[in-house]
Amino acid sequence: MCEHPGEQVIIKEDETLDDLTRNGLRVIQARQGYRFSMDAVLLSEFAATQPGEAVLDLGCGSGVVSFLIAARQPSCSVTGLEIQEDLAERARRGVALNGLGPRVQIINGDLRQAKVFLKSRKFDLVVVNPPFWRVGEGKPSSDQENLIARHEVKATLEDYIDIARCHLNPKGRLVLVHRASRLIEIGSLCLSQGMNPERVRMVHSCRWQEANLVLLEAVKGSKAGMRVLPPLVVYDDHGNYTDEISRIYYGD
């Protein structure tokens, strides 16, 4: 049992309780299964949520992006959809632990059947941290939880973008993080679904290295031009977090 400003929840022996470094937030994670990484934190910051928005977190995992968005904008509501039952259950306990109910709702379900769970609901913002690797790419994990989270075995990038379009309001925003090498594919899929890429930011581990991640915002029904923002560099020349990354993680 763990005490926290929210409800008391049970942390199992095969789980860890980890600090998100913002607003006293915690996340419950499997010791050996899928664990969140920096891309989730960068996504929640890049999303730039506005007060009162309804947000859909597609493939919410253990709830990190949902929690961070809800904490940054207390007036917004967040719905997380996660196919893996164990991850969804940890996210639900995380909602209780962090005192975020009823503003954050977690649904266990396949995003390809999103209309079954979401009906005709529409959102102002959809955030997506999808599996980065197509089937047959990368190094598939022997752990099923990691495999599903990191490889497109349950849903493809096209599935995520299509479902986002279906559940976005006109002028609603899709914000996602992905491998930089798939930027052309991401842009093409968004355009084919009537969502115009408007903001792009490349993420570099160090200033002299090629980008490894891309953050992208596409707007449904927009015809505006695309803004390419300054690069986001994670580590300085001494191997420490840059000032911007420290601000994203720890606040001002």
C-alpha atoms as a PDB file:
ATOM      1  CA  MET A   1       0.000   0.000   0.000  1.00  0.00           C
ATOM      2  CA  CYS A   2       1.280   3.459  -0.893  1.00  0.00           C
ATOM      3  CA  GLU A   3       0.139   6.752   0.628  1.00  0.00           C
ATOM      4  CA  HIS A   4      -0.075   9.822  -1.578  1.00  0.00           C
ATOM      5  CA  PRO A   5      -2.171  13.022  -1.823  1.00  0.00           C
ATOM      6  CA  GLY A   6      -4.570  10.935  -3.950  1.00  0.00           C
ATOM      7  CA  GLU A   7      -6.117   7.635  -2.927  1.00  0.00           C
ATOM      8  CA  GLN A   8      -4.226   4.753  -1.369  1.00  0.00           C
ATOM      9  CA  VAL A   9      -3.300   2.169  -3.976  1.00  0.00           C
ATOM     10  CA  ILE A  10      -1.524  -1.166  -3.996  1.00  0.00           C
ATOM     11  CA  ILE A  11       1.913  -1.398  -5.594  1.00  0.00           C
ATOM     12  CA  LYS A  12       2.621  -5.019  -6.472  1.00  0.00           C
ATOM     13  CA  GLU A  13       5.925  -6.783  -5.900  1.00  0.00           C
ATOM     14  CA  ASP A  14       6.681  -6.897  -9.629  1.00  0.00           C
ATOM     15  CA  GLU A  15       6.047  -3.144 -10.001  1.00  0.00           C
ATOM     16  CA  THR A  16       7.893   0.056  -9.203  1.00  0.00           C
ATOM     17  CA  LEU A  17       6.575   3.471  -8.188  1.00  0.00           C
ATOM     18  CA  ASP A  18       8.497   6.149 -10.085  1.00  0.00           C
ATOM     19  CA  ASP A  19       8.676   9.922  -9.792  1.00  0.00           C
ATOM     20  CA  LEU A  20       7.704  12.000 -12.844  1.00  0.00           C
ATOM     21  CA  THR A  21       9.499  15.023 -11.285  1.00  0.00           C
ATOM     22  CA  ARG A  22       6.513  17.303 -12.008  1.00  0.00           C
ATOM     23  CA  ASN A  23       3.744  18.314  -9.582  1.00  0.00           C
ATOM     24  CA  GLY A  24       4.532  15.381  -7.303  1.00  0.00           C
ATOM     25  CA  LEU A  25       3.265  12.963  -9.953  1.00  0.00           C
ATOM     26  CA  ARG A  26       4.088   9.247  -9.782  1.00  0.00           C
ATOM     27  CA  VAL A  27       3.696   6.413 -12.276  1.00  0.00           C
ATOM     28  CA  ILE A  28       3.308   2.691 -11.597  1.00  0.00           C
ATOM     29  CA  GLN A  29       5.431   0.536 -13.897  1.00  0.00           C
ATOM     30  CA  ALA A  30       6.339  -3.111 -14.320  1.00  0.00           C
ATOM     31  CA  ARG A  31       9.861  -3.964 -13.201  1.00  0.00           C
ATOM     32  CA  GLN A  32      10.462  -6.097 -16.301  1.00  0.00           C
ATOM     33  CA  GLY A  33       7.800  -4.939 -18.789  1.00  0.00           C
ATOM     34  CA  TYR A  34       7.285  -1.695 -20.692  1.00  0.00           C
ATOM     35  CA  ARG A  35       8.700   1.419 -19.018  1.00  0.00           C
ATOM     36  CA  PHE A  36       8.273   4.976 -20.245  1.00  0.00           C
ATOM     37  CA  SER A  37      11.116   7.013 -21.719  1.00  0.00           C
ATOM     38  CA  MET A  38      11.895  10.634 -22.529  1.00  0.00           C
ATOM     39  CA  ASP A  39       9.731  10.684 -25.658  1.00  0.00           C
ATOM     40  CA  ALA A  40       6.581  10.639 -23.490  1.00  0.00           C
ATOM     41  CA  VAL A  41       7.758  13.660 -21.488  1.00  0.00           C
ATOM     42  CA  LEU A  42       8.700  15.599 -24.627  1.00  0.00           C
ATOM     43  CA  LEU A  43       5.330  14.799 -26.196  1.00  0.00           C
ATOM     44  CA  SER A  44       3.385  16.122 -23.210  1.00  0.00           C
ATOM     45  CA  GLU A  45       5.347  19.380 -23.325  1.00  0.00           C
ATOM     46  CA  PHE A  46       5.109  19.853 -27.105  1.00  0.00           C
ATOM     47  CA  ALA A  47       1.346  19.301 -27.033  1.00  0.00           C
ATOM     48  CA  ALA A  48       0.889  22.808 -25.555  1.00  0.00           C
ATOM     49  CA  THR A  49      -2.539  21.975 -24.161  1.00  0.00           C
ATOM     50  CA  GLN A  50      -4.971  24.884 -23.830  1.00  0.00           C
ATOM     51  CA  PRO A  51      -7.318  25.469 -20.870  1.00  0.00           C
ATOM     52  CA  GLY A  52     -10.560  23.500 -21.005  1.00  0.00           C
ATOM     53  CA  GLU A  53      -9.549  21.215 -23.866  1.00  0.00           C
ATOM     54  CA  ALA A  54     -10.757  17.634 -24.199  1.00  0.00           C
ATOM     55  CA  VAL A  55      -7.732  15.418 -24.842  1.00  0.00           C
ATOM     56  CA  LEU A  56      -7.485  11.859 -26.157  1.00  0.00           C
ATOM     57  CA  ASP A  57      -4.297   9.904 -25.402  1.00  0.00           C
ATOM     58  CA  LEU A  58      -4.187   7.042 -27.923  1.00  0.00           C
ATOM     59  CA  GLY A  59      -2.152   4.118 -26.611  1.00  0.00           C
ATOM     60  CA  CYS A  60      -1.704   5.739 -23.210  1.00  0.00           C
ATOM     61  CA  GLY A  61       0.413   2.973 -21.671  1.00  0.00           C
ATOM     62  CA  SER A  62       0.886   3.487 -17.944  1.00  0.00           C
ATOM     63  CA  GLY A  63      -0.557   6.999 -18.197  1.00  0.00           C
ATOM     64  CA  VAL A  64       2.531   9.234 -18.200  1.00  0.00           C
ATOM     65  CA  VAL A  65       1.409  11.624 -20.962  1.00  0.00           C
ATOM     66  CA  SER A  66      -2.155  11.762 -19.602  1.00  0.00           C
ATOM     67  CA  PHE A  67      -0.906  12.581 -16.095  1.00  0.00           C
ATOM     68  CA  LEU A  68       1.510  15.291 -17.224  1.00  0.00           C
ATOM     69  CA  ILE A  69      -1.065  16.984 -19.454  1.00  0.00           C
ATOM     70  CA  ALA A  70      -3.711  16.912 -16.724  1.00  0.00           C
ATOM     71  CA  ALA A  71      -1.257  18.411 -14.236  1.00  0.00           C
ATOM     72  CA  ARG A  72      -0.186  21.194 -16.596  1.00  0.00           C
ATOM     73  CA  GLN A  73      -3.774  22.156 -17.467  1.00  0.00           C
ATOM     74  CA  PRO A  74      -6.070  21.448 -14.478  1.00  0.00           C
ATOM     75  CA  SER A  75      -9.136  22.566 -16.477  1.00  0.00           C
ATOM     76  CA  CYS A  76      -8.709  20.007 -19.254  1.00  0.00           C
ATOM     77  CA  SER A  77     -10.099  16.473 -19.351  1.00  0.00           C
ATOM     78  CA  VAL A  78      -8.067  13.504 -20.605  1.00  0.00           C
ATOM     79  CA  THR A  79      -9.229  10.135 -21.912  1.00  0.00           C
ATOM     80  CA  GLY A  80      -6.584   7.449 -22.286  1.00  0.00           C
ATOM     81  CA  LEU A  81      -7.150   4.407 -24.520  1.00  0.00           C
ATOM     82  CA  GLU A  82      -4.815   1.426 -24.011  1.00  0.00           C
ATOM     83  CA  ILE A  83      -5.051  -2.054 -25.518  1.00  0.00           C
ATOM     84  CA  GLN A  84      -2.932  -3.859 -22.920  1.00  0.00           C
ATOM     85  CA  GLU A  85      -4.988  -4.720 -19.864  1.00  0.00           C
ATOM     86  CA  ASP A  86      -2.096  -4.664 -17.386  1.00  0.00           C
ATOM     87  CA  LEU A  87      -0.904  -1.256 -18.567  1.00  0.00           C
ATOM     88  CA  ALA A  88      -4.424   0.175 -18.472  1.00  0.00           C
ATOM     89  CA  GLU A  89      -4.908  -1.172 -14.952  1.00  0.00           C
ATOM     90  CA  ARG A  90      -1.661   0.455 -13.799  1.00  0.00           C
ATOM     91  CA  ALA A  91      -2.752   3.710 -15.420  1.00  0.00           C
ATOM     92  CA  ARG A  92      -6.083   3.561 -13.545  1.00  0.00           C
ATOM     93  CA  ARG A  93      -4.277   3.072 -10.257  1.00  0.00           C
ATOM     94  CA  GLY A  94      -2.005   5.961 -11.241  1.00  0.00           C
ATOM     95  CA  VAL A  95      -5.045   8.191 -11.727  1.00  0.00           C
ATOM     96  CA  ALA A  96      -6.171   7.378  -8.185  1.00  0.00           C
ATOM     97  CA  LEU A  97      -2.660   7.707  -6.762  1.00  0.00           C
ATOM     98  CA  ASN A  98      -2.179  11.161  -8.271  1.00  0.00           C
ATOM     99  CA  GLY A  99      -5.649  12.406  -7.356  1.00  0.00           C
ATOM    100  CA  LEU A 100      -6.558  13.033 -11.011  1.00  0.00           C
ATOM    101  CA  GLY A 101      -9.997  11.450 -11.084  1.00  0.00           C
ATOM    102  CA  PRO A 102     -12.469  12.240 -12.557  1.00  0.00           C
ATOM    103  CA  ARG A 103     -10.468  14.474 -14.949  1.00  0.00           C
ATOM    104  CA  VAL A 104      -8.517  11.509 -16.331  1.00  0.00           C
ATOM    105  CA  GLN A 105     -10.374   8.423 -17.575  1.00  0.00           C
ATOM    106  CA  ILE A 106      -8.567   5.257 -18.704  1.00  0.00           C
ATOM    107  CA  ILE A 107     -10.239   2.840 -21.116  1.00  0.00           C
ATOM    108  CA  ASN A 108      -8.898  -0.645 -21.840  1.00  0.00           C
ATOM    109  CA  GLY A 109      -9.546  -1.327 -25.521  1.00  0.00           C
ATOM    110  CA  ASP A 110      -8.179  -1.707 -29.042  1.00  0.00           C
ATOM    111  CA  LEU A 111      -7.818   1.679 -30.732  1.00  0.00           C
ATOM    112  CA  ARG A 112      -8.827   0.061 -34.047  1.00  0.00           C
ATOM    113  CA  GLN A 113     -12.257  -0.340 -32.427  1.00  0.00           C
ATOM    114  CA  ALA A 114     -12.203   3.127 -30.897  1.00  0.00           C
ATOM    115  CA  LYS A 115     -15.776   3.892 -31.983  1.00  0.00           C
ATOM    116  CA  VAL A 116     -16.977   1.043 -29.747  1.00  0.00           C
ATOM    117  CA  PHE A 117     -15.406   2.691 -26.697  1.00  0.00           C
ATOM    118  CA  LEU A 118     -15.586   6.371 -27.614  1.00  0.00           C
ATOM    119  CA  LYS A 119     -18.837   6.334 -29.617  1.00  0.00           C
ATOM    120  CA  SER A 120     -19.156   9.688 -31.377  1.00  0.00           C
ATOM    121  CA  ARG A 121     -17.020  11.634 -28.896  1.00  0.00           C
ATOM    122  CA  LYS A 122     -14.844  14.369 -30.335  1.00  0.00           C
ATOM    123  CA  PHE A 123     -11.685  15.909 -28.895  1.00  0.00           C
ATOM    124  CA  ASP A 124      -9.746  19.145 -29.266  1.00  0.00           C
ATOM    125  CA  LEU A 125      -6.397  17.374 -29.053  1.00  0.00           C
ATOM    126  CA  VAL A 126      -5.195  13.833 -29.707  1.00  0.00           C
ATOM    127  CA  VAL A 127      -1.726  12.897 -28.430  1.00  0.00           C
ATOM    128  CA  VAL A 128       0.058   9.832 -29.759  1.00  0.00           C
ATOM    129  CA  ASN A 129       3.254   8.078 -28.692  1.00  0.00           C
ATOM    130  CA  PRO A 130       2.889   5.062 -30.997  1.00  0.00           C
ATOM    131  CA  PRO A 131       5.107   2.014 -31.490  1.00  0.00           C
ATOM    132  CA  PHE A 132       8.219   3.213 -33.327  1.00  0.00           C
ATOM    133  CA  TRP A 133       9.001   0.031 -35.252  1.00  0.00           C
ATOM    134  CA  ARG A 134       7.169  -1.719 -38.056  1.00  0.00           C
ATOM    135  CA  VAL A 135       6.839  -5.478 -37.812  1.00  0.00           C
ATOM    136  CA  GLY A 136      10.189  -6.981 -38.794  1.00  0.00           C
ATOM    137  CA  GLU A 137      12.183  -3.862 -37.879  1.00  0.00           C
ATOM    138  CA  GLY A 138      14.296  -3.138 -34.824  1.00  0.00           C
ATOM    139  CA  LYS A 139      14.907  -5.746 -32.157  1.00  0.00           C
ATOM    140  CA  PRO A 140      11.630  -7.413 -31.144  1.00  0.00           C
ATOM    141  CA  SER A 141      11.456  -8.038 -27.402  1.00  0.00           C
ATOM    142  CA  SER A 142      10.674 -11.458 -25.962  1.00  0.00           C
ATOM    143  CA  ASP A 143       8.531  -9.618 -23.411  1.00  0.00           C
ATOM    144  CA  GLN A 144       4.999  -9.335 -24.851  1.00  0.00           C
ATOM    145  CA  GLU A 145       4.249  -6.036 -23.111  1.00  0.00           C
ATOM    146  CA  ASN A 146       7.362  -4.414 -24.586  1.00  0.00           C
ATOM    147  CA  LEU A 147       6.764  -5.980 -27.992  1.00  0.00           C
ATOM    148  CA  ILE A 148       3.266  -4.522 -28.319  1.00  0.00           C
ATOM    149  CA  ALA A 149       4.337  -1.122 -27.000  1.00  0.00           C
ATOM    150  CA  ARG A 150       7.320  -0.748 -29.324  1.00  0.00           C
ATOM    151  CA  HIS A 151       6.342  -2.636 -32.511  1.00  0.00           C
ATOM    152  CA  GLU A 152       3.289  -2.270 -34.764  1.00  0.00           C
ATOM    153  CA  VAL A 153       1.902  -5.720 -33.978  1.00  0.00           C
ATOM    154  CA  LYS A 154      -1.527  -4.434 -32.840  1.00  0.00           C
ATOM    155  CA  ALA A 155      -1.869  -1.157 -34.751  1.00  0.00           C
ATOM    156  CA  THR A 156       0.086   0.659 -37.447  1.00  0.00           C
ATOM    157  CA  LEU A 157       1.014   4.322 -37.661  1.00  0.00           C
ATOM    158  CA  GLU A 158      -1.741   4.687 -40.262  1.00  0.00           C
ATOM    159  CA  ASP A 159      -4.264   3.267 -37.765  1.00  0.00           C
ATOM    160  CA  TYR A 160      -3.286   5.837 -35.138  1.00  0.00           C
ATOM    161  CA  ILE A 161      -3.576   8.752 -37.557  1.00  0.00           C
ATOM    162  CA  ASP A 162      -6.892   7.530 -38.984  1.00  0.00           C
ATOM    163  CA  ILE A 163      -8.457   7.134 -35.521  1.00  0.00           C
ATOM    164  CA  ALA A 164      -7.147  10.551 -34.487  1.00  0.00           C
ATOM    165  CA  ARG A 165      -8.852  12.145 -37.485  1.00  0.00           C
ATOM    166  CA  CYS A 166     -12.140  10.389 -36.738  1.00  0.00           C
ATOM    167  CA  HIS A 167     -12.255  11.722 -33.183  1.00  0.00           C
ATOM    168  CA  LEU A 168     -10.916  15.240 -33.678  1.00  0.00           C
ATOM    169  CA  ASN A 169     -13.093  18.335 -33.805  1.00  0.00           C
ATOM    170  CA  PRO A 170     -12.678  20.596 -36.844  1.00  0.00           C
ATOM    171  CA  LYS A 171      -9.366  22.443 -36.371  1.00  0.00           C
ATOM    172  CA  GLY A 172      -8.490  19.894 -33.681  1.00  0.00           C
ATOM    173  CA  ARG A 173      -4.812  18.979 -33.296  1.00  0.00           C
ATOM    174  CA  LEU A 174      -2.954  15.714 -33.567  1.00  0.00           C
ATOM    175  CA  VAL A 175       0.390  15.814 -31.746  1.00  0.00           C
ATOM    176  CA  LEU A 176       2.769  12.889 -31.930  1.00  0.00           C
ATOM    177  CA  VAL A 177       6.355  11.827 -31.296  1.00  0.00           C
ATOM    178  CA  HIS A 178       8.131   9.334 -33.526  1.00  0.00           C
ATOM    179  CA  ARG A 179      11.425   8.331 -35.097  1.00  0.00           C
ATOM    180  CA  ALA A 180      12.798  11.177 -37.191  1.00  0.00           C
ATOM    181  CA  SER A 181      13.420   8.772 -40.075  1.00  0.00           C
ATOM    182  CA  ARG A 182       9.658   8.350 -40.526  1.00  0.00           C
ATOM    183  CA  LEU A 183       8.877  12.068 -40.859  1.00  0.00           C
ATOM    184  CA  ILE A 184       7.996  11.906 -44.572  1.00  0.00           C
ATOM    185  CA  GLU A 185       5.644   8.982 -43.941  1.00  0.00           C
ATOM    186  CA  ILE A 186       3.999  10.779 -41.019  1.00  0.00           C
ATOM    187  CA  GLY A 187       3.453  13.948 -43.037  1.00  0.00           C
ATOM    188  CA  SER A 188       2.061  12.026 -46.003  1.00  0.00           C
ATOM    189  CA  LEU A 189      -0.384  10.063 -43.840  1.00  0.00           C
ATOM    190  CA  CYS A 190      -1.578  13.215 -42.087  1.00  0.00           C
ATOM    191  CA  LEU A 191      -2.175  15.009 -45.382  1.00  0.00           C
ATOM    192  CA  SER A 192      -4.057  12.007 -46.785  1.00  0.00           C
ATOM    193  CA  GLN A 193      -6.394  12.225 -43.768  1.00  0.00           C
ATOM    194  CA  GLY A 194      -7.030  15.958 -44.187  1.00  0.00           C
ATOM    195  CA  MET A 195      -4.710  16.996 -41.362  1.00  0.00           C
ATOM    196  CA  ASN A 196      -2.113  19.608 -42.225  1.00  0.00           C
ATOM    197  CA  PRO A 197       1.282  19.456 -40.458  1.00  0.00           C
ATOM    198  CA  GLU A 198       1.751  22.898 -38.887  1.00  0.00           C
ATOM    199  CA  ARG A 199       4.557  22.493 -36.324  1.00  0.00           C
ATOM    200  CA  VAL A 200       7.623  20.259 -36.507  1.00  0.00           C
ATOM    201  CA  ARG A 201      10.561  20.017 -34.132  1.00  0.00           C
ATOM    202  CA  MET A 202      13.524  17.685 -34.474  1.00  0.00           C
ATOM    203  CA  VAL A 203      15.108  16.182 -31.348  1.00  0.00           C
ATOM    204  CA  HIS A 204      18.867  15.576 -31.210  1.00  0.00           C
ATOM    205  CA  SER A 205      20.715  13.679 -28.473  1.00  0.00           C
ATOM    206  CA  CYS A 206      23.694  16.055 -28.919  1.00  0.00           C
ATOM    207  CA  ARG A 207      24.099  19.134 -31.102  1.00  0.00           C
ATOM    208  CA  TRP A 208      26.530  17.388 -33.485  1.00  0.00           C
ATOM    209  CA  GLN A 209      24.357  14.293 -33.999  1.00  0.00           C
ATOM    210  CA  GLU A 210      21.548  13.730 -36.459  1.00  0.00           C
ATOM    211  CA  ALA A 211      18.001  13.975 -35.132  1.00  0.00           C
ATOM    212  CA  ASN A 212      16.631  10.719 -33.720  1.00  0.00           C
ATOM    213  CA  LEU A 213      13.109  11.888 -32.815  1.00  0.00           C
ATOM    214  CA  VAL A 214      10.553  14.221 -34.338  1.00  0.00           C
ATOM    215  CA  LEU A 215       7.674  16.056 -32.663  1.00  0.00           C
ATOM    216  CA  LEU A 216       4.849  16.988 -35.027  1.00  0.00           C
ATOM    217  CA  GLU A 217       1.518  18.800 -34.773  1.00  0.00           C
ATOM    218  CA  ALA A 218      -1.098  18.437 -37.530  1.00  0.00           C
ATOM    219  CA  VAL A 219      -4.371  20.370 -37.601  1.00  0.00           C
ATOM    220  CA  LYS A 220      -7.584  18.898 -39.006  1.00  0.00           C
ATOM    221  CA  GLY A 221      -8.904  20.940 -41.930  1.00  0.00           C
ATOM    222  CA  SER A 222      -6.108  23.506 -41.832  1.00  0.00           C
ATOM    223  CA  LYS A 223      -4.342  24.949 -44.872  1.00  0.00           C
ATOM    224  CA  ALA A 224      -1.710  26.932 -42.976  1.00  0.00           C
ATOM    225  CA  GLY A 225       1.987  26.626 -43.744  1.00  0.00           C
ATOM    226  CA  MET A 226       4.332  24.495 -41.677  1.00  0.00           C
ATOM    227  CA  ARG A 227       6.619  25.980 -39.034  1.00  0.00           C
ATOM    228  CA  VAL A 228       9.918  24.188 -38.465  1.00  0.00           C
ATOM    229  CA  LEU A 229      10.947  25.065 -34.920  1.00  0.00           C
ATOM    230  CA  PRO A 230      14.524  25.282 -33.609  1.00  0.00           C
ATOM    231  CA  PRO A 231      16.048  21.881 -32.805  1.00  0.00           C
ATOM    232  CA  LEU A 232      15.668  20.439 -29.316  1.00  0.00           C
ATOM    233  CA  VAL A 233      19.007  19.166 -27.984  1.00  0.00           C
ATOM    234  CA  VAL A 234      18.943  16.749 -25.045  1.00  0.00           C
ATOM    235  CA  TYR A 235      22.565  16.755 -23.807  1.00  0.00           C
ATOM    236  CA  ASP A 236      25.133  19.554 -23.727  1.00  0.00           C
ATOM    237  CA  ASP A 237      28.824  19.153 -24.571  1.00  0.00           C
ATOM    238  CA  HIS A 238      29.521  17.829 -21.069  1.00  0.00           C
ATOM    239  CA  GLY A 239      26.875  15.108 -21.192  1.00  0.00           C
ATOM    240  CA  ASN A 240      24.419  16.942 -18.921  1.00  0.00           C
ATOM    241  CA  TYR A 241      20.823  17.836 -19.742  1.00  0.00           C
ATOM    242  CA  THR A 242      20.537  21.124 -21.606  1.00  0.00           C
ATOM    243  CA  ASP A 243      18.734  23.968 -19.847  1.00  0.00           C
ATOM    244  CA  GLU A 244      15.611  23.378 -21.943  1.00  0.00           C
ATOM    245  CA  ILE A 245      15.442  19.664 -21.148  1.00  0.00           C
ATOM    246  CA  SER A 246      15.941  20.436 -17.428  1.00  0.00           C
ATOM    247  CA  ARG A 247      13.076  22.923 -17.603  1.00  0.00           C
ATOM    248  CA  ILE A 248      10.824  20.360 -19.328  1.00  0.00           C
ATOM    249  CA  TYR A 249      11.605  17.720 -16.708  1.00  0.00           C
ATOM    250  CA  TYR A 250      11.806  19.789 -13.560  1.00  0.00           C
ATOM    251  CA  GLY A 251      10.008  23.070 -14.316  1.00  0.00           C
ATOM    252  CA  ASP A 252      11.309  26.600 -13.892  1.00  0.00           C
END
